[in-house]
Amino acid sequence: MQIKKLENEEVKLYESTLKEYIRQLRENYTKNKIETEIERIYTNMCKFTKDETATIIGALEKEKLIGFIWGYKKREEPSITHINYFFINKNYRSKGIGSKLLKKLENEVKKCKELELLVNKNNIGALSFYKKNGFNIKKREE
């Protein structure tokens, strides 16, 4: 398996897979038409990797994208990288891939003082994962 930063051309190469992963991430939360939401998110992925304001790290198994993490520098606080989306194909979960993606993102954005993200308080698996990987809860919201 290969963990690597995806350049803009690779984001375009994996368009259909990325869109399917975005669908799986957003389908329970999107009130708008899901296809419109997927296109908006994917367009932003392309735009922000091209202008290098975002970093997308992919996990590849024999040229197949099996997961990704997307972080961007906050405009108002460029010393903070916000993790926007993080997804691992269900067939590859609980194998350490998420931790490897997170570590690679940390290495790519090492000039940042911290990483931040939002997690639903009911997502016990994600909360446990981030705690295991050294994250702390700073704020809880209802």
C-alpha atoms as a PDB file:
ATOM      1  CA  MET A   1       0.000   0.000   0.000  1.00  0.00           C
ATOM      2  CA  GLN A   2       1.110   3.530  -0.764  1.00  0.00           C
ATOM      3  CA  ILE A   3       0.259   6.646   1.272  1.00  0.00           C
ATOM      4  CA  LYS A   4       0.947   9.802  -0.716  1.00  0.00           C
ATOM      5  CA  LYS A   5      -0.037  13.392  -1.330  1.00  0.00           C
ATOM      6  CA  LEU A   6      -2.421  13.589  -4.268  1.00  0.00           C
ATOM      7  CA  GLU A   7      -1.553  16.275  -6.774  1.00  0.00           C
ATOM      8  CA  ASN A   8      -4.294  18.048  -8.719  1.00  0.00           C
ATOM      9  CA  GLU A   9      -4.012  15.663 -11.704  1.00  0.00           C
ATOM     10  CA  GLU A  10      -4.399  12.656  -9.409  1.00  0.00           C
ATOM     11  CA  VAL A  11      -7.510  14.171  -7.851  1.00  0.00           C
ATOM     12  CA  LYS A  12      -8.900  14.319 -11.387  1.00  0.00           C
ATOM     13  CA  LEU A  13      -7.733  10.756 -12.109  1.00  0.00           C
ATOM     14  CA  TYR A  14      -9.660   9.417  -9.087  1.00  0.00           C
ATOM     15  CA  GLU A  15     -12.752  11.572  -9.706  1.00  0.00           C
ATOM     16  CA  SER A  16     -15.336   8.782  -9.688  1.00  0.00           C
ATOM     17  CA  THR A  17     -13.914   7.130  -6.558  1.00  0.00           C
ATOM     18  CA  LEU A  18     -13.644  10.437  -4.696  1.00  0.00           C
ATOM     19  CA  LYS A  19     -17.222  11.302  -5.615  1.00  0.00           C
ATOM     20  CA  GLU A  20     -18.441   7.932  -4.348  1.00  0.00           C
ATOM     21  CA  TYR A  21     -16.568   8.397  -1.062  1.00  0.00           C
ATOM     22  CA  ILE A  22     -17.990  11.924  -0.715  1.00  0.00           C
ATOM     23  CA  ARG A  23     -21.457  10.469  -1.318  1.00  0.00           C
ATOM     24  CA  GLN A  24     -20.947   7.992   1.504  1.00  0.00           C
ATOM     25  CA  LEU A  25     -19.686  10.746   3.821  1.00  0.00           C
ATOM     26  CA  ARG A  26     -22.461  13.225   3.060  1.00  0.00           C
ATOM     27  CA  GLU A  27     -25.602  11.214   2.335  1.00  0.00           C
ATOM     28  CA  ASN A  28     -26.787  11.217   5.965  1.00  0.00           C
ATOM     29  CA  TYR A  29     -26.122  14.935   6.463  1.00  0.00           C
ATOM     30  CA  THR A  30     -27.027  16.626   3.196  1.00  0.00           C
ATOM     31  CA  LYS A  31     -30.443  18.204   2.981  1.00  0.00           C
ATOM     32  CA  ASN A  32     -29.812  19.576  -0.520  1.00  0.00           C
ATOM     33  CA  LYS A  33     -29.703  17.424  -3.590  1.00  0.00           C
ATOM     34  CA  ILE A  34     -26.822  15.025  -3.007  1.00  0.00           C
ATOM     35  CA  GLU A  35     -25.509  15.224  -6.588  1.00  0.00           C
ATOM     36  CA  THR A  36     -25.191  19.017  -6.336  1.00  0.00           C
ATOM     37  CA  GLU A  37     -23.374  18.670  -3.016  1.00  0.00           C
ATOM     38  CA  ILE A  38     -20.968  16.039  -4.393  1.00  0.00           C
ATOM     39  CA  GLU A  39     -20.129  18.222  -7.401  1.00  0.00           C
ATOM     40  CA  ARG A  40     -19.550  21.256  -5.173  1.00  0.00           C
ATOM     41  CA  ILE A  41     -17.199  19.368  -2.863  1.00  0.00           C
ATOM     42  CA  TYR A  42     -15.300  17.690  -5.697  1.00  0.00           C
ATOM     43  CA  THR A  43     -14.929  21.016  -7.547  1.00  0.00           C
ATOM     44  CA  ASN A  44     -13.441  22.502  -4.381  1.00  0.00           C
ATOM     45  CA  MET A  45     -11.023  19.577  -4.092  1.00  0.00           C
ATOM     46  CA  CYS A  46      -9.749  20.305  -7.596  1.00  0.00           C
ATOM     47  CA  LYS A  47      -9.605  24.066  -7.079  1.00  0.00           C
ATOM     48  CA  PHE A  48      -7.826  23.938  -3.729  1.00  0.00           C
ATOM     49  CA  THR A  49      -5.276  21.299  -4.718  1.00  0.00           C
ATOM     50  CA  LYS A  50      -4.482  23.324  -7.815  1.00  0.00           C
ATOM     51  CA  ASP A  51      -3.854  26.540  -5.853  1.00  0.00           C
ATOM     52  CA  GLU A  52      -2.201  24.510  -3.055  1.00  0.00           C
ATOM     53  CA  THR A  53      -4.414  25.828  -0.271  1.00  0.00           C
ATOM     54  CA  ALA A  54      -5.458  22.262   0.528  1.00  0.00           C
ATOM     55  CA  THR A  55      -3.630  18.990   0.941  1.00  0.00           C
ATOM     56  CA  ILE A  56      -5.210  15.661   0.067  1.00  0.00           C
ATOM     57  CA  ILE A  57      -3.439  12.469   1.091  1.00  0.00           C
ATOM     58  CA  GLY A  58      -4.523   9.240  -0.531  1.00  0.00           C
ATOM     59  CA  ALA A  59      -4.146   5.589   0.381  1.00  0.00           C
ATOM     60  CA  LEU A  60      -3.602   3.485  -2.717  1.00  0.00           C
ATOM     61  CA  GLU A  61      -3.720  -0.281  -3.070  1.00  0.00           C
ATOM     62  CA  LYS A  62      -2.518  -1.410  -6.497  1.00  0.00           C
ATOM     63  CA  GLU A  63      -3.465   1.951  -8.077  1.00  0.00           C
ATOM     64  CA  LYS A  64      -6.925   1.828  -6.444  1.00  0.00           C
ATOM     65  CA  LEU A  65      -7.810   4.719  -4.116  1.00  0.00           C
ATOM     66  CA  ILE A  66      -8.998   3.134  -0.872  1.00  0.00           C
ATOM     67  CA  GLY A  67      -9.109   6.225   1.317  1.00  0.00           C
ATOM     68  CA  PHE A  68      -8.190   9.883   1.669  1.00  0.00           C
ATOM     69  CA  ILE A  69      -7.832  12.743   4.107  1.00  0.00           C
ATOM     70  CA  TRP A  70      -8.286  16.383   3.087  1.00  0.00           C
ATOM     71  CA  GLY A  71      -6.926  19.262   5.134  1.00  0.00           C
ATOM     72  CA  TYR A  72      -6.730  22.973   4.430  1.00  0.00           C
ATOM     73  CA  LYS A  73      -5.074  25.957   6.062  1.00  0.00           C
ATOM     74  CA  LYS A  74      -7.592  28.240   7.670  1.00  0.00           C
ATOM     75  CA  ARG A  75      -7.564  31.692   6.098  1.00  0.00           C
ATOM     76  CA  GLU A  76      -8.190  33.437   9.394  1.00  0.00           C
ATOM     77  CA  GLU A  77      -5.563  31.343  11.210  1.00  0.00           C
ATOM     78  CA  PRO A  78      -2.981  29.963   8.738  1.00  0.00           C
ATOM     79  CA  SER A  79      -1.136  28.203  11.555  1.00  0.00           C
ATOM     80  CA  ILE A  80      -4.092  25.799  11.849  1.00  0.00           C
ATOM     81  CA  THR A  81      -4.937  23.067   9.364  1.00  0.00           C
ATOM     82  CA  HIS A  82      -8.559  21.978   9.426  1.00  0.00           C
ATOM     83  CA  ILE A  83      -9.353  18.385   8.474  1.00  0.00           C
ATOM     84  CA  ASN A  84     -12.319  18.719   6.166  1.00  0.00           C
ATOM     85  CA  TYR A  85     -12.975  15.137   5.012  1.00  0.00           C
ATOM     86  CA  PHE A  86     -11.519  11.775   6.003  1.00  0.00           C
ATOM     87  CA  PHE A  87     -12.689   8.483   4.522  1.00  0.00           C
ATOM     88  CA  ILE A  88     -11.501   4.873   4.374  1.00  0.00           C
ATOM     89  CA  ASN A  89     -13.260   2.292   2.197  1.00  0.00           C
ATOM     90  CA  LYS A  90     -15.205   0.004   4.564  1.00  0.00           C
ATOM     91  CA  ASN A  91     -13.256  -3.054   3.348  1.00  0.00           C
ATOM     92  CA  TYR A  92      -9.986  -1.495   4.570  1.00  0.00           C
ATOM     93  CA  ARG A  93     -11.008  -0.083   7.947  1.00  0.00           C
ATOM     94  CA  SER A  94      -9.361  -1.074  11.251  1.00  0.00           C
ATOM     95  CA  LYS A  95      -6.067  -1.874   9.503  1.00  0.00           C
ATOM     96  CA  GLY A  96      -4.097   1.232  10.548  1.00  0.00           C
ATOM     97  CA  ILE A  97      -4.637   3.051   7.248  1.00  0.00           C
ATOM     98  CA  GLY A  98      -6.409   5.998   8.885  1.00  0.00           C
ATOM     99  CA  SER A  99      -3.518   6.520  11.300  1.00  0.00           C
ATOM    100  CA  LYS A 100      -1.055   6.442   8.393  1.00  0.00           C
ATOM    101  CA  LEU A 101      -3.085   8.992   6.429  1.00  0.00           C
ATOM    102  CA  LEU A 102      -3.308  11.260   9.463  1.00  0.00           C
ATOM    103  CA  LYS A 103       0.442  11.007  10.109  1.00  0.00           C
ATOM    104  CA  LYS A 104       1.253  11.781   6.463  1.00  0.00           C
ATOM    105  CA  LEU A 105      -1.016  14.838   6.575  1.00  0.00           C
ATOM    106  CA  GLU A 106       0.718  15.988   9.764  1.00  0.00           C
ATOM    107  CA  ASN A 107       4.095  15.647   8.022  1.00  0.00           C
ATOM    108  CA  GLU A 108       2.890  17.540   4.938  1.00  0.00           C
ATOM    109  CA  VAL A 109       1.589  20.483   6.959  1.00  0.00           C
ATOM    110  CA  LYS A 110       4.264  20.469   9.671  1.00  0.00           C
ATOM    111  CA  LYS A 111       4.577  24.272   9.552  1.00  0.00           C
ATOM    112  CA  CYS A 112       1.116  24.440  11.116  1.00  0.00           C
ATOM    113  CA  LYS A 113       0.900  24.602  14.876  1.00  0.00           C
ATOM    114  CA  GLU A 114      -2.102  22.317  15.080  1.00  0.00           C
ATOM    115  CA  LEU A 115      -4.669  20.210  13.294  1.00  0.00           C
ATOM    116  CA  GLU A 116      -8.342  20.645  14.056  1.00  0.00           C
ATOM    117  CA  LEU A 117     -11.585  18.993  13.004  1.00  0.00           C
ATOM    118  CA  LEU A 118     -15.211  18.630  13.912  1.00  0.00           C
ATOM    119  CA  VAL A 119     -16.628  15.281  14.992  1.00  0.00           C
ATOM    120  CA  ASN A 120     -20.226  14.477  15.847  1.00  0.00           C
ATOM    121  CA  LYS A 121     -20.372  13.691  19.572  1.00  0.00           C
ATOM    122  CA  ASN A 122     -22.313  10.512  18.771  1.00  0.00           C
ATOM    123  CA  ASN A 123     -19.559   9.204  16.489  1.00  0.00           C
ATOM    124  CA  ILE A 124     -17.855   7.137  19.199  1.00  0.00           C
ATOM    125  CA  GLY A 125     -15.583   5.329  16.725  1.00  0.00           C
ATOM    126  CA  ALA A 126     -14.190   8.592  15.334  1.00  0.00           C
ATOM    127  CA  LEU A 127     -13.764  10.105  18.810  1.00  0.00           C
ATOM    128  CA  SER A 128     -11.848   7.007  19.920  1.00  0.00           C
ATOM    129  CA  PHE A 129      -9.690   7.078  16.768  1.00  0.00           C
ATOM    130  CA  TYR A 130      -8.701  10.718  17.219  1.00  0.00           C
ATOM    131  CA  LYS A 131      -8.017  10.275  20.925  1.00  0.00           C
ATOM    132  CA  LYS A 132      -5.796   7.272  20.130  1.00  0.00           C
ATOM    133  CA  ASN A 133      -3.932   9.489  17.642  1.00  0.00           C
ATOM    134  CA  GLY A 134      -3.206  12.248  20.162  1.00  0.00           C
ATOM    135  CA  PHE A 135      -6.121  14.650  19.626  1.00  0.00           C
ATOM    136  CA  ASN A 136      -7.835  16.429  22.513  1.00  0.00           C
ATOM    137  CA  ILE A 137     -11.376  17.717  22.756  1.00  0.00           C
ATOM    138  CA  LYS A 138     -11.284  21.503  22.909  1.00  0.00           C
ATOM    139  CA  LYS A 139     -14.947  22.344  22.676  1.00  0.00           C
ATOM    140  CA  ARG A 140     -18.252  20.516  22.766  1.00  0.00           C
ATOM    141  CA  GLU A 141     -21.333  21.821  21.028  1.00  0.00           C
ATOM    142  CA  GLU A 142     -24.847  20.483  20.890  1.00  0.00           C
END
